[in-house]
Amino acid sequence: MTVPEARDVPLVLGGRRLEAKLWGGKDPDAPTLVLLHEGLGSVSLWRDFPARLAEATGCPVFAYSRFGYGQSDAAPLPFPLTYMHDEALTVLPQVLTELGLRRVITLGHSDGASIAVIHAGGMQDFRLRGTILIAPHLFVEDISIASILAARTAYETTDLRRRMMRHHRNPDNAFRGWNDAWLDPRFRDWRIDEYVATVRVPILGIQGEDDEYGTKAQLDALATEALCPVETHLIAGAKHAPHLTHPKEVFGLIAPFVARILALESMKTPWRKGV
């Protein structure tokens, strides 16, 4: 399979640089899939997923590293406990405006999925056509805190920091910003499920059955609270990153979801709620 090559996208907000790349799809008029990375993610940590996504859907795919991550400029520490809200309601809309994107489908993983939920439900962004949530966090669970605490131990006692240097210009900025926020005792009350009911675009929720950062309760809340078309899927045998470990199953869900949005855009067929 021939996959599109990435090109660097110059992106500066408020005088600060964001690392960004674009993979061209087969249909340049299709909505752009905007990737929102996890709490320790970056453009490079999506690996070959963006290129394969562009090939599978025909859509252009755009990814950027948030401030403090990847090769983007640093973010002040400590991250505020509202850092996902700030990204969703302030930075992401600015990114879309700066790029001149008129129609987008967001695809977020973990923290990125939470950002996508807040963006979709927290403002009327008429550019948004749908959202794909992989391992979303709608509220804090004990399993989340336990795994994030284990990540802190690994960062302090193993070669995790060295490995992160391959993908982050300042690994301490990325790790401490995310880890310290989640382990702040005040963060235990963080939840965003109230945003789900105000989402007005189709939602696809995907989670690994053995996700070490969250339980099926996250998808259950998504299905219960949503008033828009929503479908949720557990991937058997997958952990926190099913898009990387079980790509066949994940692309088998994403490609038809995007195709239904494209059909809806062209008014060829009505939306049909998934199972």
C-alpha atoms as a PDB file:
ATOM      1  CA  MET A   1       0.000   0.000   0.000  1.00  0.00           C
ATOM      2  CA  THR A   2       1.357   3.411  -1.001  1.00  0.00           C
ATOM      3  CA  VAL A   3       0.897   5.925   1.787  1.00  0.00           C
ATOM      4  CA  PRO A   4       1.194   9.727   1.577  1.00  0.00           C
ATOM      5  CA  GLU A   5       4.371  11.419   2.745  1.00  0.00           C
ATOM      6  CA  ALA A   6       4.263  14.103   5.421  1.00  0.00           C
ATOM      7  CA  ARG A   7       5.193  17.714   4.872  1.00  0.00           C
ATOM      8  CA  ASP A   8       6.085  20.199   7.573  1.00  0.00           C
ATOM      9  CA  VAL A   9       3.543  22.927   8.233  1.00  0.00           C
ATOM     10  CA  PRO A  10       4.788  26.297   9.550  1.00  0.00           C
ATOM     11  CA  LEU A  11       2.612  27.139  12.548  1.00  0.00           C
ATOM     12  CA  VAL A  12       3.185  30.004  14.985  1.00  0.00           C
ATOM     13  CA  LEU A  13       0.702  31.131  17.637  1.00  0.00           C
ATOM     14  CA  GLY A  14       1.384  34.177  19.754  1.00  0.00           C
ATOM     15  CA  GLY A  15       5.028  34.181  18.709  1.00  0.00           C
ATOM     16  CA  ARG A  16       5.557  30.554  19.745  1.00  0.00           C
ATOM     17  CA  ARG A  17       6.192  27.710  17.313  1.00  0.00           C
ATOM     18  CA  LEU A  18       4.182  24.501  17.128  1.00  0.00           C
ATOM     19  CA  GLU A  19       5.566  21.411  15.432  1.00  0.00           C
ATOM     20  CA  ALA A  20       3.050  20.366  12.763  1.00  0.00           C
ATOM     21  CA  LYS A  21       2.784  18.029   9.778  1.00  0.00           C
ATOM     22  CA  LEU A  22       0.230  17.333   7.058  1.00  0.00           C
ATOM     23  CA  TRP A  23      -0.385  14.138   5.126  1.00  0.00           C
ATOM     24  CA  GLY A  24      -2.324  14.710   1.912  1.00  0.00           C
ATOM     25  CA  GLY A  25      -5.306  12.468   1.236  1.00  0.00           C
ATOM     26  CA  LYS A  26      -6.672  11.320  -2.115  1.00  0.00           C
ATOM     27  CA  ASP A  27      -9.555  13.798  -1.860  1.00  0.00           C
ATOM     28  CA  PRO A  28      -8.248  17.312  -1.162  1.00  0.00           C
ATOM     29  CA  ASP A  29     -11.838  18.565  -0.814  1.00  0.00           C
ATOM     30  CA  ALA A  30     -12.628  16.152   2.024  1.00  0.00           C
ATOM     31  CA  PRO A  31     -12.619  17.320   5.663  1.00  0.00           C
ATOM     32  CA  THR A  32      -9.213  17.298   7.321  1.00  0.00           C
ATOM     33  CA  LEU A  33      -8.660  14.780  10.100  1.00  0.00           C
ATOM     34  CA  VAL A  34      -7.012  16.674  12.967  1.00  0.00           C
ATOM     35  CA  LEU A  35      -5.021  14.465  15.357  1.00  0.00           C
ATOM     36  CA  LEU A  36      -4.813  15.352  19.059  1.00  0.00           C
ATOM     37  CA  HIS A  37      -2.126  13.378  20.860  1.00  0.00           C
ATOM     38  CA  GLU A  38      -2.055  11.719  24.271  1.00  0.00           C
ATOM     39  CA  GLY A  39      -0.567  13.072  27.497  1.00  0.00           C
ATOM     40  CA  LEU A  40       2.985  12.027  26.561  1.00  0.00           C
ATOM     41  CA  GLY A  41       2.492  12.140  22.802  1.00  0.00           C
ATOM     42  CA  SER A  42       3.833  14.190  19.908  1.00  0.00           C
ATOM     43  CA  VAL A  43       3.701  14.261  16.130  1.00  0.00           C
ATOM     44  CA  SER A  44       6.364  11.563  15.823  1.00  0.00           C
ATOM     45  CA  LEU A  45       4.705   9.282  18.376  1.00  0.00           C
ATOM     46  CA  TRP A  46       1.740   8.794  16.061  1.00  0.00           C
ATOM     47  CA  ARG A  47       4.283   6.743  14.066  1.00  0.00           C
ATOM     48  CA  ASP A  48       2.818   5.617  10.705  1.00  0.00           C
ATOM     49  CA  PHE A  49      -0.785   6.043  11.825  1.00  0.00           C
ATOM     50  CA  PRO A  50      -1.396   9.443  10.117  1.00  0.00           C
ATOM     51  CA  ALA A  51      -0.133   8.252   6.730  1.00  0.00           C
ATOM     52  CA  ARG A  52      -2.186   5.060   6.918  1.00  0.00           C
ATOM     53  CA  LEU A  53      -5.199   7.059   8.058  1.00  0.00           C
ATOM     54  CA  ALA A  54      -4.927   9.360   5.052  1.00  0.00           C
ATOM     55  CA  GLU A  55      -4.734   6.334   2.770  1.00  0.00           C
ATOM     56  CA  ALA A  56      -7.645   4.536   4.444  1.00  0.00           C
ATOM     57  CA  THR A  57     -10.020   7.514   4.474  1.00  0.00           C
ATOM     58  CA  GLY A  58      -8.905   9.597   1.501  1.00  0.00           C
ATOM     59  CA  CYS A  59      -8.843  12.640   3.805  1.00  0.00           C
ATOM     60  CA  PRO A  60      -5.927  14.949   4.516  1.00  0.00           C
ATOM     61  CA  VAL A  61      -4.518  14.321   8.004  1.00  0.00           C
ATOM     62  CA  PHE A  62      -2.997  17.038  10.177  1.00  0.00           C
ATOM     63  CA  ALA A  63      -1.107  16.536  13.446  1.00  0.00           C
ATOM     64  CA  TYR A  64       0.605  18.963  15.786  1.00  0.00           C
ATOM     65  CA  SER A  65       2.537  18.698  19.038  1.00  0.00           C
ATOM     66  CA  ARG A  66       1.032  20.787  21.809  1.00  0.00           C
ATOM     67  CA  PHE A  67       3.182  23.395  23.533  1.00  0.00           C
ATOM     68  CA  GLY A  68       5.659  21.576  25.751  1.00  0.00           C
ATOM     69  CA  TYR A  69       5.674  18.468  23.558  1.00  0.00           C
ATOM     70  CA  GLY A  70       7.649  17.131  20.622  1.00  0.00           C
ATOM     71  CA  GLN A  71       9.607  19.889  18.894  1.00  0.00           C
ATOM     72  CA  SER A  72       7.125  22.602  19.833  1.00  0.00           C
ATOM     73  CA  ASP A  73       8.108  25.483  22.071  1.00  0.00           C
ATOM     74  CA  ALA A  74       7.936  24.936  25.822  1.00  0.00           C
ATOM     75  CA  ALA A  75       4.890  25.409  28.025  1.00  0.00           C
ATOM     76  CA  PRO A  76       5.214  26.935  31.504  1.00  0.00           C
ATOM     77  CA  LEU A  77       5.241  24.510  34.418  1.00  0.00           C
ATOM     78  CA  PRO A  78       3.212  23.491  36.238  1.00  0.00           C
ATOM     79  CA  PHE A  79       0.435  22.902  33.720  1.00  0.00           C
ATOM     80  CA  PRO A  80      -2.832  24.352  35.048  1.00  0.00           C
ATOM     81  CA  LEU A  81      -5.419  21.723  35.962  1.00  0.00           C
ATOM     82  CA  THR A  82      -7.496  23.250  33.160  1.00  0.00           C
ATOM     83  CA  TYR A  83      -4.825  22.473  30.555  1.00  0.00           C
ATOM     84  CA  MET A  84      -7.137  20.269  28.464  1.00  0.00           C
ATOM     85  CA  HIS A  85      -9.907  22.887  28.556  1.00  0.00           C
ATOM     86  CA  ASP A  86      -7.407  25.587  27.578  1.00  0.00           C
ATOM     87  CA  GLU A  87      -6.233  23.510  24.609  1.00  0.00           C
ATOM     88  CA  ALA A  88      -9.758  22.627  23.483  1.00  0.00           C
ATOM     89  CA  LEU A  89     -11.368  26.037  23.766  1.00  0.00           C
ATOM     90  CA  THR A  90      -8.468  28.373  22.984  1.00  0.00           C
ATOM     91  CA  VAL A  91      -5.476  26.775  21.265  1.00  0.00           C
ATOM     92  CA  LEU A  92      -7.197  24.259  18.975  1.00  0.00           C
ATOM     93  CA  PRO A  93      -9.625  26.828  17.480  1.00  0.00           C
ATOM     94  CA  GLN A  94      -6.655  29.128  16.855  1.00  0.00           C
ATOM     95  CA  VAL A  95      -4.786  26.307  15.128  1.00  0.00           C
ATOM     96  CA  LEU A  96      -7.744  25.590  12.843  1.00  0.00           C
ATOM     97  CA  THR A  97      -8.106  29.291  12.025  1.00  0.00           C
ATOM     98  CA  GLU A  98      -4.390  29.744  11.359  1.00  0.00           C
ATOM     99  CA  LEU A  99      -4.468  26.811   8.923  1.00  0.00           C
ATOM    100  CA  GLY A 100      -7.601  28.094   7.212  1.00  0.00           C
ATOM    101  CA  LEU A 101      -9.410  24.791   7.674  1.00  0.00           C
ATOM    102  CA  ARG A 102     -13.128  24.959   6.952  1.00  0.00           C
ATOM    103  CA  ARG A 103     -14.199  21.364   7.670  1.00  0.00           C
ATOM    104  CA  VAL A 104     -12.544  19.045  10.155  1.00  0.00           C
ATOM    105  CA  ILE A 105     -12.999  15.730  11.941  1.00  0.00           C
ATOM    106  CA  THR A 106     -11.057  15.582  15.189  1.00  0.00           C
ATOM    107  CA  LEU A 107      -9.355  12.374  16.283  1.00  0.00           C
ATOM    108  CA  GLY A 108      -7.980  12.352  19.796  1.00  0.00           C
ATOM    109  CA  HIS A 109      -6.152   9.737  21.840  1.00  0.00           C
ATOM    110  CA  SER A 110      -6.334   9.697  25.668  1.00  0.00           C
ATOM    111  CA  ASP A 111      -5.804  13.340  26.779  1.00  0.00           C
ATOM    112  CA  GLY A 112      -6.292  14.263  23.123  1.00  0.00           C
ATOM    113  CA  ALA A 113      -9.668  12.514  23.115  1.00  0.00           C
ATOM    114  CA  SER A 114     -10.680  14.483  26.206  1.00  0.00           C
ATOM    115  CA  ILE A 115      -9.619  17.673  24.422  1.00  0.00           C
ATOM    116  CA  ALA A 116     -11.755  16.641  21.445  1.00  0.00           C
ATOM    117  CA  VAL A 117     -14.795  16.124  23.713  1.00  0.00           C
ATOM    118  CA  ILE A 118     -14.388  19.524  25.363  1.00  0.00           C
ATOM    119  CA  HIS A 119     -13.936  21.216  21.982  1.00  0.00           C
ATOM    120  CA  ALA A 120     -16.951  19.487  20.432  1.00  0.00           C
ATOM    121  CA  GLY A 121     -19.269  20.098  23.374  1.00  0.00           C
ATOM    122  CA  GLY A 122     -17.885  23.309  24.790  1.00  0.00           C
ATOM    123  CA  MET A 123     -18.260  25.620  21.812  1.00  0.00           C
ATOM    124  CA  GLN A 124     -20.130  25.936  18.532  1.00  0.00           C
ATOM    125  CA  ASP A 125     -17.333  25.338  16.063  1.00  0.00           C
ATOM    126  CA  PHE A 126     -19.146  24.981  12.774  1.00  0.00           C
ATOM    127  CA  ARG A 127     -16.018  23.605  11.131  1.00  0.00           C
ATOM    128  CA  LEU A 128     -16.424  20.354  13.070  1.00  0.00           C
ATOM    129  CA  ARG A 129     -18.093  17.463  11.224  1.00  0.00           C
ATOM    130  CA  GLY A 130     -17.395  14.565  13.601  1.00  0.00           C
ATOM    131  CA  THR A 131     -15.072  13.369  16.321  1.00  0.00           C
ATOM    132  CA  ILE A 132     -13.213  10.106  16.921  1.00  0.00           C
ATOM    133  CA  LEU A 133     -12.239   9.354  20.517  1.00  0.00           C
ATOM    134  CA  ILE A 134      -9.625   6.693  21.268  1.00  0.00           C
ATOM    135  CA  ALA A 135      -9.292   5.824  24.975  1.00  0.00           C
ATOM    136  CA  PRO A 136     -11.067   8.993  26.130  1.00  0.00           C
ATOM    137  CA  HIS A 137     -11.038  10.172  29.741  1.00  0.00           C
ATOM    138  CA  LEU A 138     -14.380  11.641  30.819  1.00  0.00           C
ATOM    139  CA  PHE A 139     -13.585  11.388  34.526  1.00  0.00           C
ATOM    140  CA  VAL A 140     -10.750  10.193  36.744  1.00  0.00           C
ATOM    141  CA  GLU A 141     -10.629   6.529  37.789  1.00  0.00           C
ATOM    142  CA  ASP A 142      -8.429   4.736  40.318  1.00  0.00           C
ATOM    143  CA  ILE A 143      -6.836   2.739  37.494  1.00  0.00           C
ATOM    144  CA  SER A 144      -5.837   6.001  35.804  1.00  0.00           C
ATOM    145  CA  ILE A 145      -4.084   7.339  38.879  1.00  0.00           C
ATOM    146  CA  ALA A 146      -2.344   4.022  39.564  1.00  0.00           C
ATOM    147  CA  SER A 147      -0.921   3.849  36.036  1.00  0.00           C
ATOM    148  CA  ILE A 148       0.120   7.500  36.034  1.00  0.00           C
ATOM    149  CA  LEU A 149       1.847   7.013  39.390  1.00  0.00           C
ATOM    150  CA  ALA A 150       3.644   3.987  37.927  1.00  0.00           C
ATOM    151  CA  ALA A 151       4.734   6.180  35.002  1.00  0.00           C
ATOM    152  CA  ARG A 152       6.293   8.652  37.475  1.00  0.00           C
ATOM    153  CA  THR A 153       8.267   5.846  39.087  1.00  0.00           C
ATOM    154  CA  ALA A 154       9.420   4.646  35.667  1.00  0.00           C
ATOM    155  CA  TYR A 155      10.483   8.171  34.676  1.00  0.00           C
ATOM    156  CA  GLU A 156      12.561   8.520  37.836  1.00  0.00           C
ATOM    157  CA  THR A 157      14.099   5.031  37.934  1.00  0.00           C
ATOM    158  CA  THR A 158      14.333   3.655  34.382  1.00  0.00           C
ATOM    159  CA  ASP A 159      15.434   4.826  30.925  1.00  0.00           C
ATOM    160  CA  LEU A 160      11.992   6.308  30.144  1.00  0.00           C
ATOM    161  CA  ARG A 161      13.353   9.866  30.141  1.00  0.00           C
ATOM    162  CA  ARG A 162      16.113   8.897  27.692  1.00  0.00           C
ATOM    163  CA  ARG A 163      13.598   7.209  25.398  1.00  0.00           C
ATOM    164  CA  MET A 164      11.335  10.253  25.516  1.00  0.00           C
ATOM    165  CA  MET A 165      14.236  12.402  24.282  1.00  0.00           C
ATOM    166  CA  ARG A 166      13.840  10.751  20.877  1.00  0.00           C
ATOM    167  CA  HIS A 167      10.450  12.436  20.503  1.00  0.00           C
ATOM    168  CA  HIS A 168      10.523  15.498  22.787  1.00  0.00           C
ATOM    169  CA  ARG A 169      12.978  18.384  22.717  1.00  0.00           C
ATOM    170  CA  ASN A 170      12.316  18.881  26.438  1.00  0.00           C
ATOM    171  CA  PRO A 171      11.095  15.595  27.957  1.00  0.00           C
ATOM    172  CA  ASP A 172      10.873  17.095  31.461  1.00  0.00           C
ATOM    173  CA  ASN A 173       8.434  19.727  30.213  1.00  0.00           C
ATOM    174  CA  ALA A 174       6.229  17.085  28.607  1.00  0.00           C
ATOM    175  CA  PHE A 175       6.355  14.562  31.420  1.00  0.00           C
ATOM    176  CA  ARG A 176       6.115  16.876  34.418  1.00  0.00           C
ATOM    177  CA  GLY A 177       3.361  18.960  32.882  1.00  0.00           C
ATOM    178  CA  TRP A 178       1.137  15.932  32.321  1.00  0.00           C
ATOM    179  CA  ASN A 179       2.131  13.792  35.296  1.00  0.00           C
ATOM    180  CA  ASP A 180       2.061  16.495  37.961  1.00  0.00           C
ATOM    181  CA  ALA A 181      -1.360  17.703  36.847  1.00  0.00           C
ATOM    182  CA  TRP A 182      -2.943  14.252  36.934  1.00  0.00           C
ATOM    183  CA  LEU A 183      -1.403  13.430  40.317  1.00  0.00           C
ATOM    184  CA  ASP A 184      -2.460  16.707  41.926  1.00  0.00           C
ATOM    185  CA  PRO A 185      -5.055  15.716  44.588  1.00  0.00           C
ATOM    186  CA  ARG A 186      -7.424  18.384  43.240  1.00  0.00           C
ATOM    187  CA  PHE A 187      -7.501  16.620  39.881  1.00  0.00           C
ATOM    188  CA  ARG A 188      -9.467  13.699  41.330  1.00  0.00           C
ATOM    189  CA  ASP A 189     -12.618  15.811  40.909  1.00  0.00           C
ATOM    190  CA  TRP A 190     -11.895  16.536  37.233  1.00  0.00           C
ATOM    191  CA  ARG A 191     -14.601  15.333  34.859  1.00  0.00           C
ATOM    192  CA  ILE A 192     -15.947  16.403  31.466  1.00  0.00           C
ATOM    193  CA  ASP A 193     -18.912  14.105  30.870  1.00  0.00           C
ATOM    194  CA  GLU A 194     -21.228  17.144  30.982  1.00  0.00           C
ATOM    195  CA  TYR A 195     -19.763  18.225  27.627  1.00  0.00           C
ATOM    196  CA  VAL A 196     -20.918  15.049  25.887  1.00  0.00           C
ATOM    197  CA  ALA A 197     -24.605  16.016  25.890  1.00  0.00           C
ATOM    198  CA  THR A 198     -23.878  19.220  23.984  1.00  0.00           C
ATOM    199  CA  VAL A 199     -21.873  17.584  21.177  1.00  0.00           C
ATOM    200  CA  ARG A 200     -23.793  18.027  17.925  1.00  0.00           C
ATOM    201  CA  VAL A 201     -21.714  15.897  15.546  1.00  0.00           C
ATOM    202  CA  PRO A 202     -21.351  12.098  15.202  1.00  0.00           C
ATOM    203  CA  ILE A 203     -19.046  10.418  17.729  1.00  0.00           C
ATOM    204  CA  LEU A 204     -16.986   7.250  17.376  1.00  0.00           C
ATOM    205  CA  GLY A 205     -15.567   5.950  20.664  1.00  0.00           C
ATOM    206  CA  ILE A 206     -12.861   3.259  20.698  1.00  0.00           C
ATOM    207  CA  GLN A 207     -11.095   1.692  23.665  1.00  0.00           C
ATOM    208  CA  GLY A 208      -8.845  -1.269  24.298  1.00  0.00           C
ATOM    209  CA  GLU A 209     -10.480  -3.965  26.379  1.00  0.00           C
ATOM    210  CA  ASP A 210      -7.340  -4.128  28.549  1.00  0.00           C
ATOM    211  CA  ASP A 211      -6.714  -0.374  28.720  1.00  0.00           C
ATOM    212  CA  GLU A 212      -4.402   0.218  31.672  1.00  0.00           C
ATOM    213  CA  TYR A 213      -5.492   3.871  32.023  1.00  0.00           C
ATOM    214  CA  GLY A 214      -9.274   3.485  32.073  1.00  0.00           C
ATOM    215  CA  THR A 215     -12.198   1.083  32.173  1.00  0.00           C
ATOM    216  CA  LYS A 216     -15.216   0.487  29.973  1.00  0.00           C
ATOM    217  CA  ALA A 217     -17.054   2.948  32.225  1.00  0.00           C
ATOM    218  CA  GLN A 218     -15.604   5.711  30.023  1.00  0.00           C
ATOM    219  CA  LEU A 219     -17.319   4.373  26.896  1.00  0.00           C
ATOM    220  CA  ASP A 220     -20.478   3.619  28.849  1.00  0.00           C
ATOM    221  CA  ALA A 221     -20.673   7.248  29.978  1.00  0.00           C
ATOM    222  CA  LEU A 222     -20.091   8.405  26.420  1.00  0.00           C
ATOM    223  CA  ALA A 223     -22.955   6.264  25.120  1.00  0.00           C
ATOM    224  CA  THR A 224     -25.267   7.243  27.978  1.00  0.00           C
ATOM    225  CA  GLU A 225     -24.706  10.994  27.860  1.00  0.00           C
ATOM    226  CA  ALA A 226     -24.592  11.558  24.097  1.00  0.00           C
ATOM    227  CA  LEU A 227     -27.650  12.968  22.340  1.00  0.00           C
ATOM    228  CA  CYS A 228     -26.004  12.882  18.905  1.00  0.00           C
ATOM    229  CA  PRO A 229     -25.260   9.776  16.798  1.00  0.00           C
ATOM    230  CA  VAL A 230     -22.697   7.739  18.737  1.00  0.00           C
ATOM    231  CA  GLU A 231     -21.103   4.319  18.439  1.00  0.00           C
ATOM    232  CA  THR A 232     -18.657   2.741  20.865  1.00  0.00           C
ATOM    233  CA  HIS A 233     -16.366  -0.245  20.456  1.00  0.00           C
ATOM    234  CA  LEU A 234     -14.071  -2.239  22.740  1.00  0.00           C
ATOM    235  CA  ILE A 235     -11.077  -3.795  20.970  1.00  0.00           C
ATOM    236  CA  ALA A 236     -10.352  -7.258  22.371  1.00  0.00           C
ATOM    237  CA  GLY A 237      -6.787  -7.775  23.560  1.00  0.00           C
ATOM    238  CA  ALA A 238      -5.852  -4.112  23.127  1.00  0.00           C
ATOM    239  CA  LYS A 239      -4.460  -1.794  25.784  1.00  0.00           C
ATOM    240  CA  HIS A 240      -4.264   2.000  25.811  1.00  0.00           C
ATOM    241  CA  ALA A 241      -3.177   2.548  22.197  1.00  0.00           C
ATOM    242  CA  PRO A 242      -5.309   0.239  20.003  1.00  0.00           C
ATOM    243  CA  HIS A 243      -4.637   2.381  16.924  1.00  0.00           C
ATOM    244  CA  LEU A 244      -0.974   1.297  17.120  1.00  0.00           C
ATOM    245  CA  THR A 245      -1.321  -2.289  18.329  1.00  0.00           C
ATOM    246  CA  HIS A 246      -4.536  -3.292  16.546  1.00  0.00           C
ATOM    247  CA  PRO A 247      -4.598  -1.086  13.424  1.00  0.00           C
ATOM    248  CA  LYS A 248      -6.699  -3.477  11.323  1.00  0.00           C
ATOM    249  CA  GLU A 249      -9.568  -3.386  13.796  1.00  0.00           C
ATOM    250  CA  VAL A 250      -9.291   0.354  14.379  1.00  0.00           C
ATOM    251  CA  PHE A 251      -9.118   1.279  10.692  1.00  0.00           C
ATOM    252  CA  GLY A 252     -12.074  -1.051  10.158  1.00  0.00           C
ATOM    253  CA  LEU A 253     -14.073   1.250  12.426  1.00  0.00           C
ATOM    254  CA  ILE A 254     -12.669   4.636  11.442  1.00  0.00           C
ATOM    255  CA  ALA A 255     -12.856   4.281   7.649  1.00  0.00           C
ATOM    256  CA  PRO A 256     -16.615   3.570   7.490  1.00  0.00           C
ATOM    257  CA  PHE A 257     -17.311   6.223  10.134  1.00  0.00           C
ATOM    258  CA  VAL A 258     -15.543   8.837   8.017  1.00  0.00           C
ATOM    259  CA  ALA A 259     -17.254   7.519   4.878  1.00  0.00           C
ATOM    260  CA  ARG A 260     -20.656   8.051   6.506  1.00  0.00           C
ATOM    261  CA  ILE A 261     -19.723  11.632   7.347  1.00  0.00           C
ATOM    262  CA  LEU A 262     -18.597  12.207   3.753  1.00  0.00           C
ATOM    263  CA  ALA A 263     -21.877  10.741   2.515  1.00  0.00           C
ATOM    264  CA  LEU A 264     -23.814  12.953   4.885  1.00  0.00           C
ATOM    265  CA  GLU A 265     -21.856  15.951   3.635  1.00  0.00           C
ATOM    266  CA  SER A 266     -22.846  15.166   0.068  1.00  0.00           C
ATOM    267  CA  MET A 267     -26.430  14.306   1.108  1.00  0.00           C
ATOM    268  CA  LYS A 268     -26.177  10.925  -0.613  1.00  0.00           C
ATOM    269  CA  THR A 269     -27.404   8.868   2.317  1.00  0.00           C
ATOM    270  CA  PRO A 270     -28.797   9.616   5.779  1.00  0.00           C
ATOM    271  CA  TRP A 271     -26.751   8.963   8.899  1.00  0.00           C
ATOM    272  CA  ARG A 272     -27.348   5.561  10.397  1.00  0.00           C
ATOM    273  CA  LYS A 273     -26.479   5.042  14.029  1.00  0.00           C
ATOM    274  CA  GLY A 274     -23.812   2.360  14.562  1.00  0.00           C
ATOM    275  CA  VAL A 275     -24.066  -0.568  16.926  1.00  0.00           C
END
